[in-house]
C-alpha cells in the first residue's frame, strides 16, 4: 500500500464506495487539516478539499453514501462540530 503523503497520528478515517478517506491528525507536532482519498485499485492517494479546521482526535464514520467527521481538538479547545461528505462533494 502506498504511504499517505504526510505521515500522521490521531487522524480520522471513513470509507465510501470502496475508497478510504483520511484526514487531520498530528505530524511533527503540528495539527493538520488535510484530507485524502485512497483508491486501493490504483494504490494512490488523491488530495481532497481540506477539513475546515486543523484538528486531531476527530471521530470519523460513514452511514450509507455519506461520511461524517467531528469533535476532537484543535490543540487548545475540544470541539463539538461535525461535517458531512457525500460522493457529490468529493473530487
PDB file of N, CA and C in Angstrom:
ATOM      1  N   UNK A   1       0.839  -1.180   0.000  1.00  0.00           N
ATOM      2  CA  UNK A   1       0.000   0.000   0.000  1.00  0.00           C
ATOM      3  C   UNK A   1       0.885   1.245   0.000  1.00  0.00           C
ATOM      4  N   UNK A   2       0.555   2.190  -0.850  1.00  0.00           N
ATOM      5  CA  UNK A   2       1.297   3.452  -0.912  1.00  0.00           C
ATOM      6  C   UNK A   2       1.128   4.219   0.401  1.00  0.00           C
ATOM      7  N   UNK A   3       2.185   4.888   0.828  1.00  0.00           N
ATOM      8  CA  UNK A   3       2.128   5.686   2.059  1.00  0.00           C
ATOM      9  C   UNK A   3       1.321   6.958   1.816  1.00  0.00           C
ATOM     10  N   UNK A   4       0.565   7.371   2.828  1.00  0.00           N
ATOM     11  CA  UNK A   4      -0.153   8.641   2.739  1.00  0.00           C
ATOM     12  C   UNK A   4       0.879   9.764   2.566  1.00  0.00           C
ATOM     13  N   UNK A   5       0.576  10.813   1.806  1.00  0.00           N
ATOM     14  CA  UNK A   5       1.570  11.856   1.540  1.00  0.00           C
ATOM     15  C   UNK A   5       2.219  12.479   2.779  1.00  0.00           C
ATOM     16  N   UNK A   6       1.481  12.617   3.863  1.00  0.00           N
ATOM     17  CA  UNK A   6       2.051  13.155   5.109  1.00  0.00           C
ATOM     18  C   UNK A   6       1.726  12.165   6.229  1.00  0.00           C
ATOM     19  N   UNK A   7       2.769  11.519   6.780  1.00  0.00           N
ATOM     20  CA  UNK A   7       2.551  10.584   7.895  1.00  0.00           C
ATOM     21  C   UNK A   7       1.988  11.353   9.081  1.00  0.00           C
ATOM     22  N   UNK A   8       1.114  10.703   9.843  1.00  0.00           N
ATOM     23  CA  UNK A   8       0.432  11.379  10.946  1.00  0.00           C
ATOM     24  C   UNK A   8      -0.076  10.370  11.960  1.00  0.00           C
ATOM     25  N   UNK A   9      -0.495  10.881  13.104  1.00  0.00           N
ATOM     26  CA  UNK A   9      -1.231  10.069  14.067  1.00  0.00           C
ATOM     27  C   UNK A   9      -2.416  10.896  14.536  1.00  0.00           C
ATOM     28  N   UNK A  10      -3.359  10.268  15.227  1.00  0.00           N
ATOM     29  CA  UNK A  10      -4.592  10.905  15.717  1.00  0.00           C
ATOM     30  C   UNK A  10      -5.445  11.450  14.573  1.00  0.00           C
ATOM     31  N   UNK A  11      -5.419  10.750  13.431  1.00  0.00           N
ATOM     32  CA  UNK A  11      -6.216  11.137  12.259  1.00  0.00           C
ATOM     33  C   UNK A  11      -7.603  10.496  12.334  1.00  0.00           C
ATOM     34  N   UNK A  12      -8.522  10.961  11.479  1.00  0.00           N
ATOM     35  CA  UNK A  12      -9.817  10.300  11.350  1.00  0.00           C
ATOM     36  C   UNK A  12      -9.866   9.599   9.997  1.00  0.00           C
ATOM     37  N   UNK A  13     -10.778   8.654   9.881  1.00  0.00           N
ATOM     38  CA  UNK A  13     -10.959   7.965   8.603  1.00  0.00           C
ATOM     39  C   UNK A  13     -12.382   7.448   8.487  1.00  0.00           C
ATOM     40  N   UNK A  14     -12.786   7.202   7.249  1.00  0.00           N
ATOM     41  CA  UNK A  14     -14.038   6.516   6.952  1.00  0.00           C
ATOM     42  C   UNK A  14     -13.920   5.958   5.540  1.00  0.00           C
ATOM     43  N   UNK A  15     -14.839   5.089   5.160  1.00  0.00           N
ATOM     44  CA  UNK A  15     -14.843   4.526   3.810  1.00  0.00           C
ATOM     45  C   UNK A  15     -16.159   4.857   3.121  1.00  0.00           C
ATOM     46  N   UNK A  16     -16.062   5.065   1.811  1.00  0.00           N
ATOM     47  CA  UNK A  16     -17.230   5.273   0.952  1.00  0.00           C
ATOM     48  C   UNK A  16     -16.938   4.618  -0.392  1.00  0.00           C
ATOM     49  N   UNK A  17     -17.863   3.831  -0.892  1.00  0.00           N
ATOM     50  CA  UNK A  17     -17.757   3.282  -2.242  1.00  0.00           C
ATOM     51  C   UNK A  17     -16.389   2.670  -2.542  1.00  0.00           C
ATOM     52  N   UNK A  18     -15.933   1.817  -1.680  1.00  0.00           N
ATOM     53  CA  UNK A  18     -14.669   1.080  -1.867  1.00  0.00           C
ATOM     54  C   UNK A  18     -13.421   1.948  -1.845  1.00  0.00           C
ATOM     55  N   UNK A  19     -13.512   3.156  -1.301  1.00  0.00           N
ATOM     56  CA  UNK A  19     -12.345   4.020  -1.134  1.00  0.00           C
ATOM     57  C   UNK A  19     -12.262   4.443   0.327  1.00  0.00           C
ATOM     58  N   UNK A  20     -11.041   4.699   0.771  1.00  0.00           N
ATOM     59  CA  UNK A  20     -10.820   5.136   2.149  1.00  0.00           C
ATOM     60  C   UNK A  20     -10.503   6.631   2.160  1.00  0.00           C
ATOM     61  N   UNK A  21     -10.936   7.307   3.199  1.00  0.00           N
ATOM     62  CA  UNK A  21     -10.687   8.741   3.365  1.00  0.00           C
ATOM     63  C   UNK A  21     -10.005   8.954   4.704  1.00  0.00           C
ATOM     64  N   UNK A  22      -8.942   9.742   4.700  1.00  0.00           N
ATOM     65  CA  UNK A  22      -8.156  10.000   5.909  1.00  0.00           C
ATOM     66  C   UNK A  22      -7.880  11.494   5.983  1.00  0.00           C
ATOM     67  N   UNK A  23      -8.039  12.042   7.190  1.00  0.00           N
ATOM     68  CA  UNK A  23      -7.782  13.476   7.331  1.00  0.00           C
ATOM     69  C   UNK A  23      -7.348  13.871   8.721  1.00  0.00           C
ATOM     70  N   UNK A  24      -6.861  15.087   8.788  1.00  0.00           N
ATOM     71  CA  UNK A  24      -6.420  15.732  10.026  1.00  0.00           C
ATOM     72  C   UNK A  24      -5.333  14.909  10.723  1.00  0.00           C
ATOM     73  N   UNK A  25      -5.193  15.094  12.034  1.00  0.00           N
ATOM     74  CA  UNK A  25      -4.174  14.403  12.799  1.00  0.00           C
ATOM     75  C   UNK A  25      -3.024  15.330  13.157  1.00  0.00           C
ATOM     76  N   UNK A  26      -1.940  14.731  13.625  1.00  0.00           N
ATOM     77  CA  UNK A  26      -0.765  15.481  14.064  1.00  0.00           C
ATOM     78  C   UNK A  26       0.468  14.931  13.352  1.00  0.00           C
ATOM     79  N   UNK A  27       1.294  15.834  12.808  1.00  0.00           N
ATOM     80  CA  UNK A  27       2.566  15.467  12.183  1.00  0.00           C
ATOM     81  C   UNK A  27       3.618  16.467  12.637  1.00  0.00           C
ATOM     82  N   UNK A  28       4.714  15.965  13.178  1.00  0.00           N
ATOM     83  CA  UNK A  28       5.808  16.831  13.646  1.00  0.00           C
ATOM     84  C   UNK A  28       5.319  17.910  14.615  1.00  0.00           C
ATOM     85  N   UNK A  29       4.358  17.556  15.465  1.00  0.00           N
ATOM     86  CA  UNK A  29       3.840  18.488  16.457  1.00  0.00           C
ATOM     87  C   UNK A  29       2.834  19.493  15.929  1.00  0.00           C
ATOM     88  N   UNK A  30       2.485  19.411  14.647  1.00  0.00           N
ATOM     89  CA  UNK A  30       1.530  20.346  14.044  1.00  0.00           C
ATOM     90  C   UNK A  30       0.188  19.672  13.811  1.00  0.00           C
ATOM     91  N   UNK A  31      -0.885  20.386  14.108  1.00  0.00           N
ATOM     92  CA  UNK A  31      -2.228  19.904  13.838  1.00  0.00           C
ATOM     93  C   UNK A  31      -2.521  20.136  12.356  1.00  0.00           C
ATOM     94  N   UNK A  32      -3.072  19.108  11.708  1.00  0.00           N
ATOM     95  CA  UNK A  32      -3.299  19.146  10.268  1.00  0.00           C
ATOM     96  C   UNK A  32      -4.769  19.323   9.927  1.00  0.00           C
ATOM     97  N   UNK A  33      -5.023  19.808   8.704  1.00  0.00           N
ATOM     98  CA  UNK A  33      -6.399  19.865   8.202  1.00  0.00           C
ATOM     99  C   UNK A  33      -6.505  19.258   6.804  1.00  0.00           C
ATOM    100  N   UNK A  34      -5.453  18.592   6.333  1.00  0.00           N
ATOM    101  CA  UNK A  34      -5.517  17.989   5.008  1.00  0.00           C
ATOM    102  C   UNK A  34      -6.393  16.742   5.023  1.00  0.00           C
ATOM    103  N   UNK A  35      -6.839  16.340   3.847  1.00  0.00           N
ATOM    104  CA  UNK A  35      -7.836  15.284   3.721  1.00  0.00           C
ATOM    105  C   UNK A  35      -7.556  14.553   2.408  1.00  0.00           C
ATOM    106  N   UNK A  36      -7.457  13.219   2.453  1.00  0.00           N
ATOM    107  CA  UNK A  36      -7.077  12.424   1.286  1.00  0.00           C
ATOM    108  C   UNK A  36      -8.025  11.270   1.047  1.00  0.00           C
ATOM    109  N   UNK A  37      -8.113  10.898  -0.225  1.00  0.00           N
ATOM    110  CA  UNK A  37      -8.837   9.708  -0.648  1.00  0.00           C
ATOM    111  C   UNK A  37      -7.817   8.664  -1.084  1.00  0.00           C
ATOM    112  N   UNK A  38      -7.981   7.435  -0.602  1.00  0.00           N
ATOM    113  CA  UNK A  38      -7.122   6.325  -1.038  1.00  0.00           C
ATOM    114  C   UNK A  38      -7.929   5.385  -1.919  1.00  0.00           C
ATOM    115  N   UNK A  39      -7.404   5.105  -3.097  1.00  0.00           N
ATOM    116  CA  UNK A  39      -8.026   4.166  -4.033  1.00  0.00           C
ATOM    117  C   UNK A  39      -7.194   2.885  -4.044  1.00  0.00           C
ATOM    118  N   UNK A  40      -7.709   1.792  -3.500  1.00  0.00           N
ATOM    119  CA  UNK A  40      -6.925   0.559  -3.440  1.00  0.00           C
ATOM    120  C   UNK A  40      -6.706  -0.092  -4.807  1.00  0.00           C
ATOM    121  N   UNK A  41      -7.527   0.227  -5.784  1.00  0.00           N
ATOM    122  CA  UNK A  41      -7.357  -0.345  -7.119  1.00  0.00           C
ATOM    123  C   UNK A  41      -6.101   0.222  -7.780  1.00  0.00           C
ATOM    124  N   UNK A  42      -5.894   1.536  -7.654  1.00  0.00           N
ATOM    125  CA  UNK A  42      -4.717   2.172  -8.267  1.00  0.00           C
ATOM    126  C   UNK A  42      -3.583   2.375  -7.263  1.00  0.00           C
ATOM    127  N   UNK A  43      -3.844   2.073  -5.974  1.00  0.00           N
ATOM    128  CA  UNK A  43      -2.862   2.260  -4.901  1.00  0.00           C
ATOM    129  C   UNK A  43      -2.334   3.692  -4.882  1.00  0.00           C
ATOM    130  N   UNK A  44      -3.264   4.653  -4.962  1.00  0.00           N
ATOM    131  CA  UNK A  44      -2.878   6.068  -4.970  1.00  0.00           C
ATOM    132  C   UNK A  44      -3.714   6.880  -3.981  1.00  0.00           C
ATOM    133  N   UNK A  45      -3.132   7.990  -3.549  1.00  0.00           N
ATOM    134  CA  UNK A  45      -3.791   8.962  -2.681  1.00  0.00           C
ATOM    135  C   UNK A  45      -4.112  10.200  -3.508  1.00  0.00           C
ATOM    136  N   UNK A  46      -5.317  10.747  -3.340  1.00  0.00           N
ATOM    137  CA  UNK A  46      -5.734  11.949  -4.040  1.00  0.00           C
ATOM    138  C   UNK A  46      -6.163  12.988  -3.006  1.00  0.00           C
ATOM    139  N   UNK A  47      -5.551  14.157  -3.046  1.00  0.00           N
ATOM    140  CA  UNK A  47      -5.913  15.222  -2.105  1.00  0.00           C
ATOM    141  C   UNK A  47      -7.346  15.672  -2.367  1.00  0.00           C
ATOM    142  N   UNK A  48      -8.075  15.883  -1.293  1.00  0.00           N
ATOM    143  CA  UNK A  48      -9.441  16.377  -1.347  1.00  0.00           C
ATOM    144  C   UNK A  48      -9.464  17.789  -0.748  1.00  0.00           C
ATOM    145  N   UNK A  49     -10.625  18.396  -0.743  1.00  0.00           N
ATOM    146  CA  UNK A  49     -10.763  19.711  -0.101  1.00  0.00           C
ATOM    147  C   UNK A  49     -10.399  19.573   1.374  1.00  0.00           C
ATOM    148  N   UNK A  50      -9.618  20.514   1.898  1.00  0.00           N
ATOM    149  CA  UNK A  50      -9.176  20.448   3.294  1.00  0.00           C
ATOM    150  C   UNK A  50     -10.338  20.476   4.267  1.00  0.00           C
ATOM    151  N   UNK A  51     -10.132  19.849   5.410  1.00  0.00           N
ATOM    152  CA  UNK A  51     -11.059  19.922   6.537  1.00  0.00           C
ATOM    153  C   UNK A  51     -11.095  21.385   6.984  1.00  0.00           C
ATOM    154  N   UNK A  52     -12.215  21.895   7.478  1.00  0.00           N
ATOM    155  CA  UNK A  52     -12.321  23.320   7.803  1.00  0.00           C
ATOM    156  C   UNK A  52     -11.387  23.831   8.907  1.00  0.00           C
ATOM    157  N   UNK A  53     -10.901  22.932   9.768  1.00  0.00           N
ATOM    158  CA  UNK A  53     -10.109  23.365  10.927  1.00  0.00           C
ATOM    159  C   UNK A  53      -8.942  22.397  11.109  1.00  0.00           C
ATOM    160  N   UNK A  54      -7.785  22.875  11.536  1.00  0.00           N
ATOM    161  CA  UNK A  54      -6.680  21.992  11.904  1.00  0.00           C
ATOM    162  C   UNK A  54      -7.084  21.258  13.171  1.00  0.00           C
ATOM    163  N   UNK A  55      -7.121  19.911  13.116  1.00  0.00           N
ATOM    164  CA  UNK A  55      -7.675  19.126  14.219  1.00  0.00           C
ATOM    165  C   UNK A  55      -6.924  17.814  14.414  1.00  0.00           C
ATOM    166  N   UNK A  56      -7.140  17.219  15.574  1.00  0.00           N
ATOM    167  CA  UNK A  56      -6.672  15.863  15.878  1.00  0.00           C
ATOM    168  C   UNK A  56      -7.732  15.180  16.731  1.00  0.00           C
ATOM    169  N   UNK A  57      -7.661  13.878  16.785  1.00  0.00           N
ATOM    170  CA  UNK A  57      -8.594  13.061  17.564  1.00  0.00           C
ATOM    171  C   UNK A  57     -10.040  13.245  17.112  1.00  0.00           C
ATOM    172  N   UNK A  58     -10.220  13.570  15.839  1.00  0.00           N
ATOM    173  CA  UNK A  58     -11.552  13.685  15.239  1.00  0.00           C
ATOM    174  C   UNK A  58     -12.118  12.278  15.087  1.00  0.00           C
ATOM    175  N   UNK A  59     -13.409  12.134  15.226  1.00  0.00           N
ATOM    176  CA  UNK A  59     -14.071  10.837  15.035  1.00  0.00           C
ATOM    177  C   UNK A  59     -14.665  10.804  13.640  1.00  0.00           C
ATOM    178  N   UNK A  60     -14.384   9.749  12.873  1.00  0.00           N
ATOM    179  CA  UNK A  60     -14.908   9.617  11.526  1.00  0.00           C
ATOM    180  C   UNK A  60     -15.679   8.321  11.370  1.00  0.00           C
ATOM    181  N   UNK A  61     -16.730   8.360  10.553  1.00  0.00           N
ATOM    182  CA  UNK A  61     -17.534   7.162  10.275  1.00  0.00           C
ATOM    183  C   UNK A  61     -18.359   7.423   9.018  1.00  0.00           C
ATOM    184  N   UNK A  62     -18.934   6.365   8.472  1.00  0.00           N
ATOM    185  CA  UNK A  62     -19.815   6.506   7.315  1.00  0.00           C
ATOM    186  C   UNK A  62     -21.139   5.814   7.590  1.00  0.00           C
ATOM    187  N   UNK A  63     -22.172   6.377   6.987  1.00  0.00           N
ATOM    188  CA  UNK A  63     -23.516   5.795   7.011  1.00  0.00           C
ATOM    189  C   UNK A  63     -24.053   5.917   5.595  1.00  0.00           C
ATOM    190  N   UNK A  64     -24.363   4.785   4.988  1.00  0.00           N
ATOM    191  CA  UNK A  64     -24.849   4.811   3.610  1.00  0.00           C
ATOM    192  C   UNK A  64     -23.815   5.412   2.679  1.00  0.00           C
ATOM    193  N   UNK A  65     -24.210   6.429   1.923  1.00  0.00           N
ATOM    194  CA  UNK A  65     -23.322   7.078   0.960  1.00  0.00           C
ATOM    195  C   UNK A  65     -22.709   8.360   1.483  1.00  0.00           C
ATOM    196  N   UNK A  66     -22.696   8.555   2.784  1.00  0.00           N
ATOM    197  CA  UNK A  66     -22.136   9.775   3.362  1.00  0.00           C
ATOM    198  C   UNK A  66     -21.081   9.449   4.406  1.00  0.00           C
ATOM    199  N   UNK A  67     -20.056  10.293   4.474  1.00  0.00           N
ATOM    200  CA  UNK A  67     -19.032  10.199   5.502  1.00  0.00           C
ATOM    201  C   UNK A  67     -19.193  11.350   6.473  1.00  0.00           C
ATOM    202  N   UNK A  68     -18.845  11.120   7.727  1.00  0.00           N
ATOM    203  CA  UNK A  68     -19.002  12.131   8.769  1.00  0.00           C
ATOM    204  C   UNK A  68     -17.723  12.218   9.593  1.00  0.00           C
ATOM    205  N   UNK A  69     -17.409  13.407  10.057  1.00  0.00           N
ATOM    206  CA  UNK A  69     -16.260  13.596  10.936  1.00  0.00           C
ATOM    207  C   UNK A  69     -16.558  14.765  11.865  1.00  0.00           C
ATOM    208  N   UNK A  70     -16.118  14.626  13.104  1.00  0.00           N
ATOM    209  CA  UNK A  70     -16.358  15.721  14.041  1.00  0.00           C
ATOM    210  C   UNK A  70     -15.774  15.457  15.406  1.00  0.00           C
ATOM    211  N   UNK A  71     -16.007  16.391  16.279  1.00  0.00           N
ATOM    212  CA  UNK A  71     -15.456  16.502  17.622  1.00  0.00           C
ATOM    213  C   UNK A  71     -13.935  16.577  17.527  1.00  0.00           C
ATOM    214  N   UNK A  72     -13.212  16.182  18.526  1.00  0.00           N
ATOM    215  CA  UNK A  72     -11.757  16.260  18.509  1.00  0.00           C
ATOM    216  C   UNK A  72     -11.253  17.538  19.158  1.00  0.00           C
ATOM    217  N   UNK A  73      -9.992  17.857  18.886  1.00  0.00           N
ATOM    218  CA  UNK A  73      -9.370  19.031  19.493  1.00  0.00           C
ATOM    219  C   UNK A  73      -8.546  19.786  18.458  1.00  0.00           C
ATOM    220  N   UNK A  74      -8.497  21.087  18.607  1.00  0.00           N
ATOM    221  CA  UNK A  74      -7.640  21.913  17.756  1.00  0.00           C
ATOM    222  C   UNK A  74      -6.318  22.224  18.463  1.00  0.00           C
ATOM    223  N   UNK A  75      -6.088  21.553  19.585  1.00  0.00           N
ATOM    224  CA  UNK A  75      -4.863  21.750  20.354  1.00  0.00           C
ATOM    225  C   UNK A  75      -5.049  22.686  21.534  1.00  0.00           C
ATOM    226  N   UNK A  76      -6.119  23.475  21.503  1.00  0.00           N
ATOM    227  CA  UNK A  76      -6.412  24.390  22.605  1.00  0.00           C
ATOM    228  C   UNK A  76      -7.809  24.161  23.172  1.00  0.00           C
ATOM    229  N   UNK A  77      -8.724  23.701  22.315  1.00  0.00           N
ATOM    230  CA  UNK A  77     -10.118  23.516  22.720  1.00  0.00           C
ATOM    231  C   UNK A  77     -10.645  22.188  22.209  1.00  0.00           C
ATOM    232  N   UNK A  78     -11.569  21.602  22.970  1.00  0.00           N
ATOM    233  CA  UNK A  78     -12.323  20.457  22.481  1.00  0.00           C
ATOM    234  C   UNK A  78     -13.490  21.013  21.691  1.00  0.00           C
ATOM    235  N   UNK A  79     -13.755  20.396  20.535  1.00  0.00           N
ATOM    236  CA  UNK A  79     -14.776  20.920  19.642  1.00  0.00           C
ATOM    237  C   UNK A  79     -15.947  19.946  19.548  1.00  0.00           C
ATOM    238  N   UNK A  80     -17.116  20.481  19.172  1.00  0.00           N
ATOM    239  CA  UNK A  80     -18.304  19.648  19.050  1.00  0.00           C
ATOM    240  C   UNK A  80     -18.903  19.702  17.645  1.00  0.00           C
ATOM    241  N   UNK A  81     -18.243  20.375  16.708  1.00  0.00           N
ATOM    242  CA  UNK A  81     -18.785  20.477  15.355  1.00  0.00           C
ATOM    243  C   UNK A  81     -18.613  19.164  14.582  1.00  0.00           C
ATOM    244  N   UNK A  82     -19.522  18.938  13.622  1.00  0.00           N
ATOM    245  CA  UNK A  82     -19.497  17.760  12.765  1.00  0.00           C
ATOM    246  C   UNK A  82     -19.661  18.198  11.319  1.00  0.00           C
ATOM    247  N   UNK A  83     -19.049  17.443  10.402  1.00  0.00           N
ATOM    248  CA  UNK A  83     -19.134  17.732   8.976  1.00  0.00           C
ATOM    249  C   UNK A  83     -19.554  16.480   8.238  1.00  0.00           C
ATOM    250  N   UNK A  84     -20.194  16.685   7.099  1.00  0.00           N
ATOM    251  CA  UNK A  84     -20.699  15.583   6.290  1.00  0.00           C
ATOM    252  C   UNK A  84     -20.140  15.678   4.872  1.00  0.00           C
ATOM    253  N   UNK A  85     -19.751  14.525   4.301  1.00  0.00           N
ATOM    254  CA  UNK A  85     -19.313  14.448   2.919  1.00  0.00           C
ATOM    255  C   UNK A  85     -20.225  13.488   2.183  1.00  0.00           C
ATOM    256  N   UNK A  86     -20.585  13.847   0.974  1.00  0.00           N
ATOM    257  CA  UNK A  86     -21.285  12.921   0.097  1.00  0.00           C
ATOM    258  C   UNK A  86     -20.404  12.708  -1.125  1.00  0.00           C
ATOM    259  N   UNK A  87     -20.677  11.695  -1.887  1.00  0.00           N
ATOM    260  CA  UNK A  87     -19.857  11.418  -3.074  1.00  0.00           C
ATOM    261  C   UNK A  87     -19.861  12.618  -4.014  1.00  0.00           C
ATOM    262  N   UNK A  88     -20.936  13.384  -4.035  1.00  0.00           N
ATOM    263  CA  UNK A  88     -21.025  14.570  -4.902  1.00  0.00           C
ATOM    264  C   UNK A  88     -20.004  15.634  -4.529  1.00  0.00           C
ATOM    265  N   UNK A  89     -19.592  15.680  -3.275  1.00  0.00           N
ATOM    266  CA  UNK A  89     -18.673  16.718  -2.820  1.00  0.00           C
ATOM    267  C   UNK A  89     -17.205  16.316  -2.925  1.00  0.00           C
ATOM    268  N   UNK A  90     -16.945  15.053  -3.155  1.00  0.00           N
ATOM    269  CA  UNK A  90     -15.570  14.574  -3.212  1.00  0.00           C
ATOM    270  C   UNK A  90     -15.045  14.662  -4.632  1.00  0.00           C
ATOM    271  N   UNK A  91     -13.741  14.872  -4.776  1.00  0.00           N
ATOM    272  CA  UNK A  91     -13.118  15.023  -6.102  1.00  0.00           C
ATOM    273  C   UNK A  91     -13.275  13.751  -6.896  1.00  0.00           C
TER     274      UNK A  91
END
